N, C-alpha and C. Protein backbone atom coordinates (compact mmCIF):
# COMPACT_ATOMS: atom_id res chain seq x y z
N MET A 1 117.18 136.40 118.01
CA MET A 1 117.32 135.03 118.46
C MET A 1 116.94 134.08 117.34
N GLU A 2 117.66 133.01 117.21
CA GLU A 2 117.45 132.02 116.16
C GLU A 2 116.18 131.21 116.44
N ASP A 3 115.36 130.98 115.38
CA ASP A 3 114.15 130.18 115.52
C ASP A 3 114.55 128.70 115.57
N LEU A 4 114.15 128.01 116.62
CA LEU A 4 114.53 126.61 116.82
C LEU A 4 113.42 125.65 116.43
N THR A 5 112.37 126.16 115.76
CA THR A 5 111.26 125.30 115.36
C THR A 5 110.95 125.49 113.88
N SER A 6 110.26 124.48 113.35
CA SER A 6 109.79 124.52 111.97
C SER A 6 108.29 124.24 111.99
N LYS A 7 107.51 125.01 111.25
CA LYS A 7 106.07 124.81 111.21
C LYS A 7 105.66 124.26 109.85
N THR A 8 104.77 123.28 109.88
CA THR A 8 104.28 122.66 108.66
C THR A 8 102.86 122.15 108.91
N VAL A 9 102.30 121.47 107.93
CA VAL A 9 100.95 120.90 108.04
C VAL A 9 101.04 119.42 107.70
N ALA A 10 100.44 118.59 108.55
CA ALA A 10 100.31 117.16 108.27
C ALA A 10 98.88 116.90 107.85
N VAL A 11 98.70 116.17 106.76
CA VAL A 11 97.37 115.89 106.25
C VAL A 11 97.08 114.40 106.39
N PHE A 12 95.97 114.08 107.01
CA PHE A 12 95.54 112.70 107.19
C PHE A 12 94.24 112.50 106.42
N SER A 13 94.19 111.48 105.60
CA SER A 13 92.98 111.22 104.81
C SER A 13 91.99 110.33 105.55
N ARG A 14 92.44 109.71 106.64
CA ARG A 14 91.56 108.85 107.44
C ARG A 14 91.76 109.17 108.92
N PRO A 15 90.78 108.83 109.76
CA PRO A 15 90.99 108.98 111.21
C PRO A 15 92.22 108.18 111.63
N PHE A 16 92.91 108.65 112.67
CA PHE A 16 94.16 107.99 113.07
C PHE A 16 94.35 108.07 114.57
N ASN A 17 95.28 107.26 115.08
CA ASN A 17 95.61 107.22 116.50
C ASN A 17 97.09 107.49 116.68
N LEU A 18 97.43 108.05 117.83
CA LEU A 18 98.82 108.25 118.21
C LEU A 18 99.04 107.52 119.53
N PRO A 19 100.24 106.96 119.73
CA PRO A 19 100.51 106.22 120.97
C PRO A 19 100.29 107.10 122.20
N ASP A 20 99.82 106.47 123.27
CA ASP A 20 99.61 107.13 124.56
C ASP A 20 98.59 108.26 124.51
N PHE A 21 97.69 108.24 123.52
CA PHE A 21 96.62 109.23 123.44
C PHE A 21 95.34 108.45 123.17
N ASP A 22 94.38 108.53 124.08
CA ASP A 22 93.20 107.67 124.05
C ASP A 22 92.07 108.17 123.15
N GLU A 23 92.37 109.03 122.22
CA GLU A 23 91.35 109.60 121.34
C GLU A 23 91.70 109.30 119.89
N THR A 24 90.71 108.86 119.11
CA THR A 24 90.91 108.73 117.67
C THR A 24 90.74 110.11 117.08
N LEU A 25 91.75 110.55 116.36
CA LEU A 25 91.73 111.89 115.79
C LEU A 25 91.11 111.84 114.40
N PRO A 26 90.30 112.84 114.05
CA PRO A 26 89.62 112.82 112.74
C PRO A 26 90.58 113.15 111.60
N ALA A 27 90.21 112.71 110.42
CA ALA A 27 90.97 113.05 109.22
C ALA A 27 90.98 114.57 109.06
N GLY A 28 91.99 115.06 108.37
CA GLY A 28 92.06 116.50 108.12
C GLY A 28 93.47 117.01 108.20
N GLU A 29 93.59 118.33 108.19
CA GLU A 29 94.90 118.99 108.26
C GLU A 29 95.21 119.34 109.71
N TYR A 30 96.46 119.13 110.09
CA TYR A 30 96.92 119.44 111.44
C TYR A 30 98.17 120.30 111.35
N GLU A 31 98.16 121.43 112.05
CA GLU A 31 99.35 122.26 112.12
C GLU A 31 100.35 121.55 113.03
N VAL A 32 101.62 121.50 112.59
CA VAL A 32 102.66 120.77 113.30
C VAL A 32 103.86 121.70 113.49
N GLU A 33 104.37 121.75 114.69
CA GLU A 33 105.56 122.54 115.00
C GLU A 33 106.64 121.57 115.48
N THR A 34 107.77 121.55 114.79
CA THR A 34 108.84 120.61 115.08
C THR A 34 110.03 121.33 115.68
N GLU A 35 110.55 120.79 116.79
CA GLU A 35 111.79 121.31 117.37
C GLU A 35 112.95 120.85 116.49
N LEU A 36 113.76 121.79 116.03
CA LEU A 36 114.87 121.45 115.13
C LEU A 36 116.13 121.03 115.89
N VAL A 37 116.31 121.55 117.07
CA VAL A 37 117.47 121.20 117.89
C VAL A 37 117.00 121.01 119.33
N SER A 38 117.84 120.41 120.16
CA SER A 38 117.45 120.21 121.55
C SER A 38 117.29 121.56 122.24
N PRO A 39 116.35 121.66 123.17
CA PRO A 39 116.16 122.91 123.90
C PRO A 39 117.43 123.30 124.65
N PRO A 40 117.66 124.60 124.85
CA PRO A 40 118.89 125.05 125.51
C PRO A 40 119.04 124.52 126.94
N ASP A 41 117.92 124.23 127.61
CA ASP A 41 118.00 123.74 128.99
C ASP A 41 118.13 122.21 129.07
N GLN A 42 118.24 121.54 127.92
CA GLN A 42 118.38 120.08 127.90
C GLN A 42 119.73 119.70 128.49
N LYS A 43 119.73 118.87 129.54
CA LYS A 43 120.96 118.50 130.23
C LYS A 43 121.84 117.57 129.38
N ASP A 44 121.21 116.72 128.59
CA ASP A 44 121.96 115.77 127.76
C ASP A 44 121.47 115.86 126.31
N PRO A 45 122.03 116.79 125.51
CA PRO A 45 121.55 116.96 124.13
C PRO A 45 121.61 115.68 123.29
N GLU A 46 122.52 114.78 123.59
CA GLU A 46 122.63 113.52 122.82
C GLU A 46 121.42 112.61 123.07
N ALA A 47 120.83 112.70 124.26
CA ALA A 47 119.69 111.85 124.60
C ALA A 47 118.36 112.45 124.15
N TRP A 48 118.39 113.68 123.65
CA TRP A 48 117.18 114.37 123.22
C TRP A 48 116.56 113.67 122.02
N LYS A 49 115.26 113.51 122.06
CA LYS A 49 114.52 112.90 120.96
C LYS A 49 113.66 113.98 120.31
N ALA A 50 113.69 114.04 118.99
CA ALA A 50 112.89 115.03 118.27
C ALA A 50 111.41 114.81 118.57
N SER A 51 110.72 115.91 118.85
CA SER A 51 109.29 115.83 119.12
C SER A 51 108.58 116.91 118.32
N VAL A 52 107.28 116.72 118.20
CA VAL A 52 106.47 117.68 117.47
C VAL A 52 105.27 118.07 118.32
N LEU A 53 104.83 119.29 118.14
CA LEU A 53 103.63 119.79 118.79
C LEU A 53 102.54 119.82 117.73
N VAL A 54 101.48 119.05 117.94
CA VAL A 54 100.39 118.94 116.97
C VAL A 54 99.20 119.73 117.50
N LYS A 55 98.71 120.68 116.70
CA LYS A 55 97.52 121.45 117.09
C LYS A 55 96.31 120.60 116.72
N LEU A 56 95.56 120.18 117.73
CA LEU A 56 94.41 119.29 117.52
C LEU A 56 93.18 120.10 117.14
N HIS A 57 92.25 119.44 116.48
CA HIS A 57 90.97 120.06 116.14
C HIS A 57 90.15 120.23 117.41
N SER A 58 89.32 121.25 117.44
CA SER A 58 88.42 121.46 118.57
C SER A 58 87.40 120.34 118.62
N GLN A 59 86.97 119.99 119.83
CA GLN A 59 85.93 118.99 119.99
C GLN A 59 84.57 119.66 119.90
N LEU A 60 83.55 118.91 119.45
CA LEU A 60 82.20 119.46 119.36
C LEU A 60 81.71 119.93 120.72
N SER A 61 82.09 119.21 121.78
CA SER A 61 81.64 119.57 123.12
C SER A 61 82.32 120.83 123.66
N HIS A 62 83.48 121.21 123.09
CA HIS A 62 84.22 122.41 123.52
C HIS A 62 84.75 123.13 122.28
N PRO A 63 83.87 123.75 121.48
CA PRO A 63 84.28 124.30 120.18
C PRO A 63 85.36 125.38 120.21
N GLY A 64 85.50 126.12 121.28
CA GLY A 64 86.51 127.19 121.32
C GLY A 64 87.80 126.80 122.02
N LEU A 65 87.90 125.57 122.48
CA LEU A 65 89.05 125.14 123.25
C LEU A 65 90.18 124.70 122.32
N ASP A 66 91.31 125.41 122.37
CA ASP A 66 92.50 125.03 121.60
C ASP A 66 93.25 123.94 122.35
N ARG A 67 93.60 122.88 121.66
CA ARG A 67 94.33 121.78 122.28
C ARG A 67 95.57 121.46 121.46
N THR A 68 96.62 121.05 122.13
CA THR A 68 97.83 120.60 121.45
C THR A 68 98.27 119.29 122.07
N LEU A 69 99.07 118.55 121.33
CA LEU A 69 99.60 117.27 121.78
C LEU A 69 101.06 117.21 121.37
N THR A 70 101.93 116.86 122.30
CA THR A 70 103.35 116.68 121.98
C THR A 70 103.61 115.19 121.82
N VAL A 71 104.12 114.81 120.67
CA VAL A 71 104.43 113.41 120.38
C VAL A 71 105.83 113.34 119.77
N SER A 72 106.39 112.14 119.76
CA SER A 72 107.70 111.99 119.13
C SER A 72 107.54 112.12 117.62
N LEU A 73 108.57 112.60 116.98
CA LEU A 73 108.56 112.73 115.53
C LEU A 73 108.36 111.36 114.89
N ALA A 74 108.95 110.33 115.48
CA ALA A 74 108.81 108.97 114.95
C ALA A 74 107.35 108.51 114.99
N ASP A 75 106.63 108.81 116.09
CA ASP A 75 105.23 108.41 116.19
C ASP A 75 104.37 109.12 115.16
N LEU A 76 104.62 110.40 114.94
CA LEU A 76 103.86 111.13 113.93
C LEU A 76 104.18 110.60 112.53
N ASP A 77 105.44 110.34 112.24
CA ASP A 77 105.81 109.78 110.94
C ASP A 77 105.16 108.42 110.72
N HIS A 78 105.10 107.61 111.78
CA HIS A 78 104.47 106.29 111.66
C HIS A 78 102.97 106.45 111.36
N ALA A 79 102.30 107.36 112.05
CA ALA A 79 100.88 107.59 111.81
C ALA A 79 100.64 108.08 110.38
N ARG A 80 101.52 108.94 109.88
CA ARG A 80 101.37 109.43 108.50
C ARG A 80 101.61 108.30 107.50
N ALA A 81 102.58 107.44 107.77
CA ALA A 81 102.83 106.31 106.87
C ALA A 81 101.65 105.36 106.86
N MET A 82 101.07 105.09 108.03
CA MET A 82 99.92 104.20 108.10
C MET A 82 98.73 104.80 107.36
N ASP A 83 98.57 106.11 107.42
CA ASP A 83 97.49 106.79 106.71
C ASP A 83 97.66 106.63 105.21
N LYS A 84 98.90 106.69 104.73
CA LYS A 84 99.16 106.56 103.30
C LYS A 84 99.00 105.12 102.82
N LEU A 85 99.15 104.16 103.73
CA LEU A 85 99.10 102.75 103.33
C LEU A 85 97.75 102.36 102.76
N THR A 86 96.68 102.81 103.39
CA THR A 86 95.32 102.46 102.99
C THR A 86 95.19 100.98 102.64
N GLY A 87 95.68 100.13 103.56
CA GLY A 87 95.54 98.70 103.39
C GLY A 87 96.73 98.01 102.76
N ARG A 88 97.69 98.76 102.26
CA ARG A 88 98.87 98.14 101.67
C ARG A 88 99.89 97.81 102.75
N THR A 89 100.80 96.92 102.44
CA THR A 89 101.84 96.60 103.40
C THR A 89 102.85 97.72 103.43
N LEU A 90 103.63 97.78 104.50
CA LEU A 90 104.63 98.82 104.64
C LEU A 90 105.68 98.73 103.53
N SER A 91 106.00 97.51 103.09
CA SER A 91 106.98 97.38 102.01
C SER A 91 106.43 97.95 100.70
N ASP A 92 105.12 97.84 100.46
CA ASP A 92 104.52 98.44 99.27
C ASP A 92 104.64 99.96 99.33
N PHE A 93 104.39 100.51 100.51
CA PHE A 93 104.51 101.95 100.70
C PHE A 93 105.95 102.38 100.42
N PHE A 94 106.92 101.66 100.99
CA PHE A 94 108.34 101.97 100.79
C PHE A 94 108.68 101.91 99.30
N LEU A 95 108.24 100.89 98.61
CA LEU A 95 108.55 100.74 97.19
C LEU A 95 108.01 101.91 96.37
N GLU A 96 106.77 102.32 96.64
CA GLU A 96 106.18 103.43 95.90
C GLU A 96 106.93 104.73 96.17
N GLU A 97 107.29 104.97 97.44
CA GLU A 97 108.05 106.17 97.78
C GLU A 97 109.42 106.14 97.10
N MET A 98 110.06 104.98 97.10
CA MET A 98 111.38 104.84 96.50
C MET A 98 111.31 105.10 94.98
N LEU A 99 110.32 104.51 94.32
CA LEU A 99 110.21 104.66 92.87
C LEU A 99 109.78 106.07 92.46
N ALA A 100 109.23 106.84 93.38
CA ALA A 100 108.85 108.22 93.08
C ALA A 100 110.03 109.18 93.22
N ASP A 101 111.14 108.71 93.77
CA ASP A 101 112.31 109.56 94.00
C ASP A 101 113.11 109.69 92.70
N PRO A 102 113.31 110.92 92.21
CA PRO A 102 114.04 111.12 90.95
C PRO A 102 115.49 110.59 91.00
N MET A 103 116.14 110.69 92.15
CA MET A 103 117.52 110.18 92.26
C MET A 103 117.55 108.66 92.12
N ILE A 104 116.58 107.99 92.71
CA ILE A 104 116.49 106.53 92.58
C ILE A 104 116.29 106.17 91.11
N ARG A 105 115.44 106.92 90.43
CA ARG A 105 115.18 106.67 89.00
C ARG A 105 116.47 106.82 88.18
N LEU A 106 117.26 107.84 88.49
CA LEU A 106 118.52 108.04 87.76
C LEU A 106 119.49 106.89 88.02
N VAL A 107 119.57 106.45 89.26
CA VAL A 107 120.46 105.32 89.58
C VAL A 107 119.98 104.05 88.89
N MET A 108 118.65 103.82 88.90
CA MET A 108 118.10 102.65 88.21
C MET A 108 118.46 102.69 86.73
N GLU A 109 118.28 103.85 86.11
CA GLU A 109 118.60 104.01 84.69
C GLU A 109 120.08 103.76 84.43
N ALA A 110 120.94 104.33 85.28
CA ALA A 110 122.39 104.16 85.12
C ALA A 110 122.79 102.69 85.27
N ASP A 111 122.10 101.97 86.15
CA ASP A 111 122.42 100.56 86.39
C ASP A 111 121.67 99.62 85.45
N GLY A 112 120.81 100.16 84.61
CA GLY A 112 120.10 99.34 83.63
C GLY A 112 118.92 98.57 84.21
N PHE A 113 118.31 99.08 85.27
CA PHE A 113 117.15 98.42 85.86
C PHE A 113 115.88 99.16 85.49
N SER A 114 114.85 98.41 85.12
CA SER A 114 113.55 99.00 84.82
C SER A 114 112.68 98.96 86.08
N GLU A 115 111.60 99.73 86.06
CA GLU A 115 110.66 99.71 87.18
C GLU A 115 110.08 98.32 87.37
N ALA A 116 109.78 97.63 86.28
CA ALA A 116 109.22 96.28 86.37
C ALA A 116 110.20 95.32 87.05
N GLN A 117 111.48 95.46 86.75
CA GLN A 117 112.48 94.58 87.38
C GLN A 117 112.57 94.84 88.88
N VAL A 118 112.53 96.10 89.27
CA VAL A 118 112.60 96.43 90.70
C VAL A 118 111.35 95.93 91.41
N ARG A 119 110.18 96.10 90.80
CA ARG A 119 108.95 95.60 91.41
C ARG A 119 109.00 94.07 91.55
N GLU A 120 109.51 93.40 90.56
CA GLU A 120 109.65 91.94 90.62
C GLU A 120 110.60 91.53 91.75
N LEU A 121 111.70 92.23 91.87
CA LEU A 121 112.67 91.95 92.93
C LEU A 121 112.02 92.09 94.31
N TYR A 122 111.25 93.16 94.52
CA TYR A 122 110.61 93.37 95.81
C TYR A 122 109.46 92.40 96.05
N SER A 123 108.77 92.00 95.01
CA SER A 123 107.67 91.03 95.20
C SER A 123 108.22 89.67 95.61
N ARG A 124 109.39 89.28 95.11
CA ARG A 124 110.02 88.01 95.52
C ARG A 124 110.51 88.07 96.96
N SER A 125 110.94 89.23 97.42
CA SER A 125 111.48 89.34 98.78
C SER A 125 110.37 89.26 99.85
N GLU A 126 109.11 89.42 99.46
CA GLU A 126 108.00 89.36 100.43
C GLU A 126 107.50 87.95 100.65
N THR A 127 107.89 87.01 99.82
CA THR A 127 107.39 85.65 99.97
C THR A 127 108.27 84.82 100.84
């Protein structure tokens, strides 16, 4: 049978929150299992939203209790982006991610744009 999930690790450098969960989660590594396709029993595959199963850390009050939380992929991605921001605006985060992409660098070089010019362009768009 074909594996319909992907397992990875999400790393948070600061405590974080997820929507509809009343607990602040501590910084650290979290095992994440992502559904790659809609479940076979899904009645409307087009309406299916990607979700992830996050293995939570044990609480001090219940050290042996394994807990998991199912959240939307978008909510987890948003929490990871906010963790990376560390006080920066979302556009700053986007700019840094974009400039770190080798394909973007090649296109910039081909079009004759320097990193300084792109940073200047984005700094003007925020005002």
